[in-house]
Amino acid sequence: MSPSTGAGAEPGRERFPAFFDQVPGVTLHDPLALLLGSCEGGLVHYRYADAVRLAGHSCPTVASAYTLTRLALQRLYVDATPVRGQVRVSLAESLEAGTAGVVGAVAGLLTGAAGVGGFKGLAGQFVRRERMLWGQEQSLELRYTRLDTGQTVDAQGHAQRVPAHPDTFPLLQRCLTGVATDEERQTFGAHWQDRVRRLLVDHAADESVWELRSGS
């Protein structure tokens, strides 16, 4: 895969796969950022590359958390700009289980929701802490709740419906056991990111992969 130019190809910076630039982004209004003069109009634009920087890698889990959150925000706000810090996120899995921590981190990046270690606010405003909950009883993996209206969107990713290249996991085993050649390592990485690309770009709005249910 050729490196991206838009996602950061300057000397000394990361060189992401080119498809990162094709992934839909999401713009949010952050009232705290507006108050503190962090960005003009309080508008913050997030791209998939930001989620990769946060997680430190690009994988189906990061891609799924990013896409589900992006789509859920669209559902919650329709034609309006989503408000960062005004959405609660809950996960069915406990924080210690599987990849729940990674999913929560990516969802929190976009929504501003945080656990007990989050920002406590200013004079009762802009609170971010305890708006990320784990181990909740709910029908799907994630639930997004708009705090001003109470509207909810439940979401679940079905990444298994976009299978990996058949050589991916045999190559992974060779990489992990230290017997893979440089060429095999490069081939594994290419196969891995191609699946991520298909999830994020080819299936960006595929309802069979991204299940969302709106509530009241």
Protein backbone atom coordinates (compact mmCIF):
# COMPACT_ATOMS: atom_id res chain seq x y z
CA MET A 1 0.00 0.00 0.00
CA SER A 2 1.30 3.43 -0.84
CA PRO A 3 1.62 5.90 2.04
CA SER A 4 -0.89 8.67 2.46
CA THR A 5 0.03 12.22 1.63
CA GLY A 6 -2.90 13.92 3.37
CA ALA A 7 -2.67 11.90 6.59
CA GLY A 8 0.92 12.95 7.25
CA ALA A 9 3.85 12.23 4.96
CA GLU A 10 6.22 15.01 6.03
CA PRO A 11 9.70 13.99 7.22
CA GLY A 12 9.64 12.87 10.83
CA ARG A 13 5.92 12.14 10.80
CA GLU A 14 3.91 8.95 10.45
CA ARG A 15 3.11 7.63 6.99
CA PHE A 16 -0.31 6.01 7.07
CA PRO A 17 -1.82 3.82 4.33
CA ALA A 18 -3.36 5.95 1.59
CA PHE A 19 -6.88 4.65 2.22
CA PHE A 20 -7.00 6.51 5.56
CA ASP A 21 -7.80 9.64 3.54
CA GLN A 22 -10.87 7.91 2.05
CA VAL A 23 -12.47 7.15 5.43
CA PRO A 24 -15.36 9.51 6.28
CA GLY A 25 -14.55 11.95 9.05
CA VAL A 26 -16.80 13.53 11.65
CA THR A 27 -17.04 17.17 12.77
CA LEU A 28 -18.25 17.98 16.27
CA HIS A 29 -18.96 21.15 18.21
CA ASP A 30 -17.08 21.16 21.50
CA PRO A 31 -18.35 23.92 23.84
CA LEU A 32 -15.33 23.52 26.13
CA ALA A 33 -12.94 23.94 23.21
CA LEU A 34 -14.88 27.05 22.21
CA LEU A 35 -14.70 28.54 25.71
CA LEU A 36 -10.97 27.93 26.00
CA GLY A 37 -10.20 29.22 22.51
CA SER A 38 -8.86 25.85 21.42
CA CYS A 39 -10.35 26.03 17.93
CA GLU A 40 -12.37 28.52 15.94
CA GLY A 41 -16.08 28.15 16.55
CA GLY A 42 -15.44 25.15 18.79
CA LEU A 43 -15.49 22.90 15.73
CA VAL A 44 -13.23 19.85 15.87
CA HIS A 45 -12.84 17.48 12.91
CA TYR A 46 -11.80 13.91 13.61
CA ARG A 47 -10.45 11.41 11.10
CA TYR A 48 -9.67 7.71 11.34
CA ALA A 49 -6.00 8.60 11.67
CA ASP A 50 -6.81 10.25 15.02
CA ALA A 51 -8.25 6.98 16.32
CA VAL A 52 -5.13 5.15 15.11
CA ARG A 53 -2.90 7.67 16.89
CA LEU A 54 -4.90 7.12 20.07
CA ALA A 55 -4.85 3.32 19.91
CA GLY A 56 -1.36 3.09 18.45
CA HIS A 57 -2.47 0.74 15.67
CA SER A 58 -5.08 0.15 12.97
CA CYS A 59 -7.21 -2.98 13.26
CA PRO A 60 -10.82 -4.16 12.83
CA THR A 61 -11.61 -3.30 16.46
CA VAL A 62 -10.43 0.30 16.11
CA ALA A 63 -12.15 0.56 12.72
CA SER A 64 -15.41 -0.80 14.15
CA ALA A 65 -15.41 1.51 17.19
CA TYR A 66 -14.70 4.51 14.97
CA THR A 67 -17.38 3.67 12.42
CA LEU A 68 -20.08 2.75 14.94
CA THR A 69 -19.50 5.99 16.84
CA ARG A 70 -19.51 8.05 13.65
CA LEU A 71 -22.76 6.47 12.47
CA ALA A 72 -24.39 6.71 15.90
CA LEU A 73 -23.62 10.43 16.08
CA GLN A 74 -25.22 10.87 12.67
CA ARG A 75 -28.33 9.09 13.93
CA LEU A 76 -28.49 11.14 17.14
CA TYR A 77 -28.04 14.54 15.51
CA VAL A 78 -29.34 13.97 11.95
CA ASP A 79 -28.56 17.26 10.14
CA ALA A 80 -27.18 19.09 13.20
CA THR A 81 -23.54 19.14 14.29
CA PRO A 82 -22.99 16.63 17.11
CA VAL A 83 -22.03 18.16 20.45
CA ARG A 84 -18.92 16.68 22.00
CA GLY A 85 -19.39 16.11 25.73
CA GLN A 86 -23.16 15.69 25.49
CA VAL A 87 -23.29 11.98 24.67
CA ARG A 88 -23.08 9.16 27.21
CA VAL A 89 -21.57 5.88 26.00
CA SER A 90 -22.23 2.52 27.62
CA LEU A 91 -20.73 -0.86 26.76
CA ALA A 92 -22.13 -4.31 27.45
CA GLU A 93 -18.69 -5.74 28.22
CA SER A 94 -16.78 -5.00 31.40
CA LEU A 95 -13.72 -2.79 31.13
CA GLU A 96 -11.44 -5.77 31.73
CA ALA A 97 -13.04 -7.94 29.04
CA GLY A 98 -11.67 -8.44 25.55
CA THR A 99 -11.22 -5.22 23.61
CA ALA A 100 -13.76 -3.14 25.58
CA GLY A 101 -11.06 -0.73 26.72
CA VAL A 102 -9.97 -0.01 23.17
CA VAL A 103 -13.55 0.39 21.97
CA GLY A 104 -14.31 2.77 24.83
CA ALA A 105 -11.19 4.83 24.16
CA VAL A 106 -12.08 5.37 20.51
CA ALA A 107 -15.74 6.11 21.31
CA GLY A 108 -14.56 8.55 23.97
CA LEU A 109 -12.24 10.30 21.56
CA LEU A 110 -15.16 11.26 19.34
CA THR A 111 -17.88 11.81 21.94
CA GLY A 112 -15.82 13.21 24.81
CA ALA A 113 -17.36 10.66 27.18
CA ALA A 114 -14.96 9.43 29.87
CA GLY A 115 -14.89 7.17 32.91
CA VAL A 116 -14.09 8.14 36.48
CA GLY A 117 -10.80 9.68 35.41
CA GLY A 118 -12.41 12.15 33.01
CA PHE A 119 -12.65 15.92 33.26
CA LYS A 120 -14.78 16.99 36.25
CA GLY A 121 -15.95 20.20 34.58
CA LEU A 122 -15.98 23.92 35.35
CA ALA A 123 -18.67 25.25 37.69
CA GLY A 124 -20.81 22.21 36.90
CA GLN A 125 -20.45 22.60 33.15
CA PHE A 126 -18.46 20.63 30.54
CA VAL A 127 -18.39 17.49 32.71
CA ARG A 128 -16.89 14.48 30.93
CA ARG A 129 -16.30 12.00 33.75
CA GLU A 130 -18.64 9.07 34.45
CA ARG A 131 -20.19 9.38 31.01
CA MET A 132 -18.50 6.18 29.85
CA LEU A 133 -19.99 3.08 31.47
CA TRP A 134 -18.96 -0.58 31.15
CA GLY A 135 -20.74 -3.84 31.98
CA GLN A 136 -24.24 -2.53 31.26
CA GLU A 137 -27.30 -4.64 30.50
CA GLN A 138 -28.25 -3.71 26.94
CA SER A 139 -29.20 -5.43 23.71
CA LEU A 140 -26.12 -4.54 21.63
CA GLU A 141 -22.44 -3.91 22.24
CA LEU A 142 -22.70 -0.12 22.49
CA ARG A 143 -25.32 2.40 23.50
CA TYR A 144 -25.04 6.11 22.78
CA THR A 145 -27.36 8.45 24.68
CA ARG A 146 -27.85 12.09 23.81
CA LEU A 147 -28.01 13.80 27.20
CA ASP A 148 -30.17 16.78 26.22
CA THR A 149 -32.96 14.71 24.64
CA GLY A 150 -32.50 11.22 26.09
CA GLN A 151 -32.50 9.75 22.58
CA THR A 152 -30.48 6.56 22.25
CA VAL A 153 -28.77 4.57 19.52
CA ASP A 154 -27.67 0.99 20.15
CA ALA A 155 -24.88 -0.30 17.93
CA GLN A 156 -23.05 -3.50 17.11
CA GLY A 157 -20.34 -4.26 14.57
CA HIS A 158 -20.22 -7.50 12.58
CA ALA A 159 -16.69 -7.33 11.27
CA GLN A 160 -16.65 -11.10 10.75
CA ARG A 161 -18.85 -10.48 7.69
CA VAL A 162 -15.82 -8.88 6.03
CA PRO A 163 -13.35 -11.77 6.21
CA ALA A 164 -9.59 -11.53 6.12
CA HIS A 165 -7.47 -12.84 3.25
CA PRO A 166 -6.99 -16.60 3.85
CA ASP A 167 -3.22 -16.16 4.21
CA THR A 168 -3.54 -13.53 6.96
CA PHE A 169 -3.55 -15.70 10.07
CA PRO A 170 -0.97 -18.27 8.92
CA LEU A 171 1.33 -15.32 8.21
CA LEU A 172 0.51 -13.82 11.61
CA GLN A 173 1.59 -17.03 13.31
CA ARG A 174 4.88 -16.96 11.42
CA CYS A 175 5.40 -13.34 12.47
CA LEU A 176 4.63 -14.06 16.13
CA THR A 177 6.95 -17.07 16.26
CA GLY A 178 9.77 -15.10 14.69
CA VAL A 179 10.21 -17.23 11.57
CA ALA A 180 8.60 -14.90 9.00
CA THR A 181 10.76 -13.32 6.33
CA ASP A 182 10.70 -9.56 5.74
CA GLU A 183 8.56 -10.16 2.66
CA GLU A 184 6.10 -12.26 4.66
CA ARG A 185 5.85 -9.56 7.32
CA GLN A 186 5.09 -6.95 4.68
CA THR A 187 2.52 -9.23 3.06
CA PHE A 188 0.83 -9.85 6.41
CA GLY A 189 0.61 -6.11 7.10
CA ALA A 190 -0.82 -5.47 3.65
CA HIS A 191 -3.48 -8.18 4.10
CA TRP A 192 -4.35 -6.86 7.58
CA GLN A 193 -4.81 -3.27 6.45
CA ASP A 194 -6.70 -4.32 3.33
CA ARG A 195 -9.37 -5.84 5.57
CA VAL A 196 -9.47 -2.62 7.60
CA ARG A 197 -9.82 -0.68 4.34
CA ARG A 198 -12.74 -2.81 3.23
CA LEU A 199 -14.48 -2.29 6.57
CA LEU A 200 -13.95 1.46 6.60
CA VAL A 201 -14.31 2.34 2.91
CA ASP A 202 -16.06 -0.40 0.96
CA HIS A 203 -18.54 -1.09 3.77
CA ALA A 204 -18.68 2.41 5.29
CA ALA A 205 -22.50 2.44 5.28
CA ASP A 206 -23.23 -1.29 5.01
CA GLU A 207 -26.14 -2.06 7.34
CA SER A 208 -25.27 -5.75 7.33
CA VAL A 209 -21.91 -4.91 8.92
CA TRP A 210 -22.92 -1.97 11.11
CA GLU A 211 -26.13 -2.63 13.06
CA LEU A 212 -27.80 0.42 14.61
CA ARG A 213 -31.11 0.69 16.43
CA SER A 214 -32.60 4.04 17.37
CA GLY A 215 -34.53 4.46 20.60
CA SER A 216 -36.47 7.22 22.29
